[in-house]
C-alpha atoms as a PDB file:
ATOM      1  CA  UNK A   1      -4.664  13.200 -21.878  1.00  0.00           C
ATOM      2  CA  UNK A   2      -3.981  12.937 -18.180  1.00  0.00           C
ATOM      3  CA  UNK A   3      -1.512  10.288 -17.106  1.00  0.00           C
ATOM      4  CA  UNK A   4      -3.091   7.464 -15.140  1.00  0.00           C
ATOM      5  CA  UNK A   5      -2.136   7.348 -11.480  1.00  0.00           C
ATOM      6  CA  UNK A   6      -0.266   4.254 -10.301  1.00  0.00           C
ATOM      7  CA  UNK A   7      -1.347   2.301  -7.247  1.00  0.00           C
ATOM      8  CA  UNK A   8       1.000  -0.378  -5.926  1.00  0.00           C
ATOM      9  CA  UNK A   9      -0.499  -3.032  -3.670  1.00  0.00           C
ATOM     10  CA  UNK A  10       1.945  -5.107  -1.637  1.00  0.00           C
ATOM     11  CA  UNK A  11      -0.179  -8.015  -0.452  1.00  0.00           C
ATOM     12  CA  UNK A  12       0.402 -11.777  -0.395  1.00  0.00           C
ATOM     13  CA  UNK A  13      -3.306 -12.688  -0.669  1.00  0.00           C
ATOM     14  CA  UNK A  14      -3.962 -13.154  -4.402  1.00  0.00           C
ATOM     15  CA  UNK A  15      -7.753 -13.081  -4.007  1.00  0.00           C
ATOM     16  CA  UNK A  16      -7.618  -9.727  -2.222  1.00  0.00           C
ATOM     17  CA  UNK A  17      -5.223  -8.321  -4.838  1.00  0.00           C
ATOM     18  CA  UNK A  18      -7.595  -9.362  -7.626  1.00  0.00           C
ATOM     19  CA  UNK A  19     -10.575  -7.677  -5.927  1.00  0.00           C
ATOM     20  CA  UNK A  20      -8.620  -4.450  -5.527  1.00  0.00           C
ATOM     21  CA  UNK A  21      -7.142  -4.685  -9.056  1.00  0.00           C
ATOM     22  CA  UNK A  22     -10.642  -4.893 -10.545  1.00  0.00           C
ATOM     23  CA  UNK A  23     -11.875  -1.986  -8.404  1.00  0.00           C
ATOM     24  CA  UNK A  24      -8.929   0.336  -9.099  1.00  0.00           C
ATOM     25  CA  UNK A  25      -8.749  -0.424 -12.839  1.00  0.00           C
ATOM     26  CA  UNK A  26     -12.478   0.292 -13.129  1.00  0.00           C
ATOM     27  CA  UNK A  27     -11.745   3.688 -11.528  1.00  0.00           C
ATOM     28  CA  UNK A  28      -9.033   4.445 -14.112  1.00  0.00           C
ATOM     29  CA  UNK A  29      -5.870   3.639 -12.133  1.00  0.00           C
ATOM     30  CA  UNK A  30      -2.857   1.611 -13.226  1.00  0.00           C
ATOM     31  CA  UNK A  31      -2.669  -1.200 -10.669  1.00  0.00           C
ATOM     32  CA  UNK A  32       0.705  -2.714  -9.807  1.00  0.00           C
ATOM     33  CA  UNK A  33       1.195  -5.697  -7.521  1.00  0.00           C
ATOM     34  CA  UNK A  34       3.861  -7.221  -5.327  1.00  0.00           C
ATOM     35  CA  UNK A  35       3.463 -10.409  -3.293  1.00  0.00           C
ATOM     36  CA  UNK A  36       6.191  -9.842  -0.692  1.00  0.00           C
ATOM     37  CA  UNK A  37       8.195  -7.041   0.880  1.00  0.00           C
ATOM     38  CA  UNK A  38      11.331  -7.535  -1.230  1.00  0.00           C
ATOM     39  CA  UNK A  39       9.367  -7.437  -4.493  1.00  0.00           C
ATOM     40  CA  UNK A  40       7.473  -4.466  -3.076  1.00  0.00           C
ATOM     41  CA  UNK A  41      10.614  -2.380  -2.484  1.00  0.00           C
ATOM     42  CA  UNK A  42      11.893  -3.267  -5.971  1.00  0.00           C
ATOM     43  CA  UNK A  43       8.590  -2.144  -7.561  1.00  0.00           C
ATOM     44  CA  UNK A  44       8.544   1.071  -5.505  1.00  0.00           C
ATOM     45  CA  UNK A  45      12.014   1.927  -6.835  1.00  0.00           C
ATOM     46  CA  UNK A  46      11.374   0.873 -10.455  1.00  0.00           C
ATOM     47  CA  UNK A  47       7.765   2.068 -10.888  1.00  0.00           C
ATOM     48  CA  UNK A  48       7.519   5.195  -8.659  1.00  0.00           C
ATOM     49  CA  UNK A  49       3.869   4.603  -7.716  1.00  0.00           C
ATOM     50  CA  UNK A  50       1.663   7.540  -6.721  1.00  0.00           C
ATOM     51  CA  UNK A  51       0.362   5.653  -3.694  1.00  0.00           C
ATOM     52  CA  UNK A  52       1.097   2.336  -1.973  1.00  0.00           C
ATOM     53  CA  UNK A  53      -1.307   0.002  -0.198  1.00  0.00           C
ATOM     54  CA  UNK A  54       0.585  -2.431   1.996  1.00  0.00           C
ATOM     55  CA  UNK A  55      -0.130  -5.324   4.315  1.00  0.00           C
ATOM     56  CA  UNK A  56       2.116  -5.645   7.356  1.00  0.00           C
ATOM     57  CA  UNK A  57       2.342  -9.436   7.471  1.00  0.00           C
ATOM     58  CA  UNK A  58       4.293 -10.269   4.331  1.00  0.00           C
ATOM     59  CA  UNK A  59       6.770 -12.963   3.298  1.00  0.00           C
ATOM     60  CA  UNK A  60      10.512 -12.183   3.075  1.00  0.00           C
ATOM     61  CA  UNK A  61      10.237  -8.619   4.426  1.00  0.00           C
ATOM     62  CA  UNK A  62       7.393  -7.325   6.578  1.00  0.00           C
ATOM     63  CA  UNK A  63       5.362  -4.223   5.844  1.00  0.00           C
ATOM     64  CA  UNK A  64       7.082  -2.598   8.834  1.00  0.00           C
ATOM     65  CA  UNK A  65      10.464  -3.312   7.207  1.00  0.00           C
ATOM     66  CA  UNK A  66       9.264  -1.849   3.892  1.00  0.00           C
ATOM     67  CA  UNK A  67       7.992   1.307   5.646  1.00  0.00           C
ATOM     68  CA  UNK A  68      11.286   1.617   7.502  1.00  0.00           C
ATOM     69  CA  UNK A  69      13.312   1.217   4.312  1.00  0.00           C
ATOM     70  CA  UNK A  70      11.137   3.787   2.512  1.00  0.00           C
ATOM     71  CA  UNK A  71      11.625   6.239   5.372  1.00  0.00           C
ATOM     72  CA  UNK A  72      15.416   5.901   5.089  1.00  0.00           C
ATOM     73  CA  UNK A  73      15.737   6.055   1.290  1.00  0.00           C
ATOM     74  CA  UNK A  74      15.671   9.457  -0.331  1.00  0.00           C
ATOM     75  CA  UNK A  75      12.789   9.954  -2.733  1.00  0.00           C
ATOM     76  CA  UNK A  76      10.727   7.096  -1.297  1.00  0.00           C
ATOM     77  CA  UNK A  77       9.779   8.762   1.965  1.00  0.00           C
ATOM     78  CA  UNK A  78       7.334  11.123   0.238  1.00  0.00           C
ATOM     79  CA  UNK A  79       5.181   8.404  -1.403  1.00  0.00           C
ATOM     80  CA  UNK A  80       1.884   8.108   0.517  1.00  0.00           C
ATOM     81  CA  UNK A  81       1.309   4.696   2.100  1.00  0.00           C
ATOM     82  CA  UNK A  82      -1.967   3.188   3.289  1.00  0.00           C
ATOM     83  CA  UNK A  83      -1.672   0.176   5.558  1.00  0.00           C
ATOM     84  CA  UNK A  84      -4.333  -2.503   5.080  1.00  0.00           C
ATOM     85  CA  UNK A  85      -3.791  -5.149   7.728  1.00  0.00           C
ATOM     86  CA  UNK A  86      -5.402  -7.614  10.090  1.00  0.00           C
ATOM     87  CA  UNK A  87      -3.194  -6.304  12.900  1.00  0.00           C
ATOM     88  CA  UNK A  88      -5.542  -4.251  15.058  1.00  0.00           C
ATOM     89  CA  UNK A  89      -3.448  -3.511  18.135  1.00  0.00           C
ATOM     90  CA  UNK A  90      -2.794   0.129  18.952  1.00  0.00           C
ATOM     91  CA  UNK A  91       0.957  -0.541  19.132  1.00  0.00           C
ATOM     92  CA  UNK A  92       1.006  -1.869  15.544  1.00  0.00           C
ATOM     93  CA  UNK A  93      -1.060   1.059  14.296  1.00  0.00           C
ATOM     94  CA  UNK A  94       1.186   3.558  16.079  1.00  0.00           C
ATOM     95  CA  UNK A  95       4.379   1.904  14.809  1.00  0.00           C
ATOM     96  CA  UNK A  96       3.119   1.989  11.201  1.00  0.00           C
ATOM     97  CA  UNK A  97       2.188   5.671  11.527  1.00  0.00           C
ATOM     98  CA  UNK A  98       5.537   6.461  13.158  1.00  0.00           C
ATOM     99  CA  UNK A  99       7.194   4.860  10.125  1.00  0.00           C
ATOM    100  CA  UNK A 100       5.271   7.145   7.779  1.00  0.00           C
ATOM    101  CA  UNK A 101       1.950   5.449   6.988  1.00  0.00           C
ATOM    102  CA  UNK A 102      -0.679   8.066   6.127  1.00  0.00           C
ATOM    103  CA  UNK A 103      -3.651   5.836   6.936  1.00  0.00           C
ATOM    104  CA  UNK A 104      -4.196   2.539   8.710  1.00  0.00           C
ATOM    105  CA  UNK A 105      -7.142   0.321   7.857  1.00  0.00           C
ATOM    106  CA  UNK A 106      -8.104  -2.988   9.415  1.00  0.00           C
ATOM    107  CA  UNK A 107      -9.121  -5.366   6.618  1.00  0.00           C
ATOM    108  CA  UNK A 108     -12.249  -6.686   8.307  1.00  0.00           C
ATOM    109  CA  UNK A 109     -13.526  -3.177   9.090  1.00  0.00           C
ATOM    110  CA  UNK A 110     -13.147  -1.406   5.728  1.00  0.00           C
ATOM    111  CA  UNK A 111     -15.004  -1.648   2.424  1.00  0.00           C
ATOM    112  CA  UNK A 112     -13.094  -1.786  -0.877  1.00  0.00           C
ATOM    113  CA  UNK A 113     -14.821   1.378  -2.063  1.00  0.00           C
ATOM    114  CA  UNK A 114     -13.660   3.248   1.068  1.00  0.00           C
ATOM    115  CA  UNK A 115     -10.036   2.365   0.298  1.00  0.00           C
ATOM    116  CA  UNK A 116     -10.463   3.551  -3.309  1.00  0.00           C
ATOM    117  CA  UNK A 117     -12.033   6.816  -2.115  1.00  0.00           C
ATOM    118  CA  UNK A 118      -9.186   7.386   0.365  1.00  0.00           C
ATOM    119  CA  UNK A 119      -6.610   6.835  -2.424  1.00  0.00           C
ATOM    120  CA  UNK A 120      -8.426   9.371  -4.636  1.00  0.00           C
ATOM    121  CA  UNK A 121      -8.422  11.822  -1.752  1.00  0.00           C
ATOM    122  CA  UNK A 122      -4.680  11.420  -1.181  1.00  0.00           C
ATOM    123  CA  UNK A 123      -3.614  11.749  -4.827  1.00  0.00           C
END
């Protein structure tokens, strides 16, 4: 039996996490959650997710800080990261991509199913 792929979502909005949890579990993924950047880094290290979906505006440690820390820590820099944020400025998008984000989605402009499809494509 094939091992289920792990998706870690680092997002402080519990309603949004629940919507994505339901969607990903229905598609056969293990869904892990973190509510802030510090918890997110700890879960990345302890769980070795196959892909990470991260918001940029997070308590304790921003998504930018998490991306930066992943880029600097050996073994973490290769995990694909999708940013899902309300920040829509080109400078924010460019900074996230410079820090290693594979994709950048603006929450109000993307459907849940599109995010799931992009994750499947990446892993």
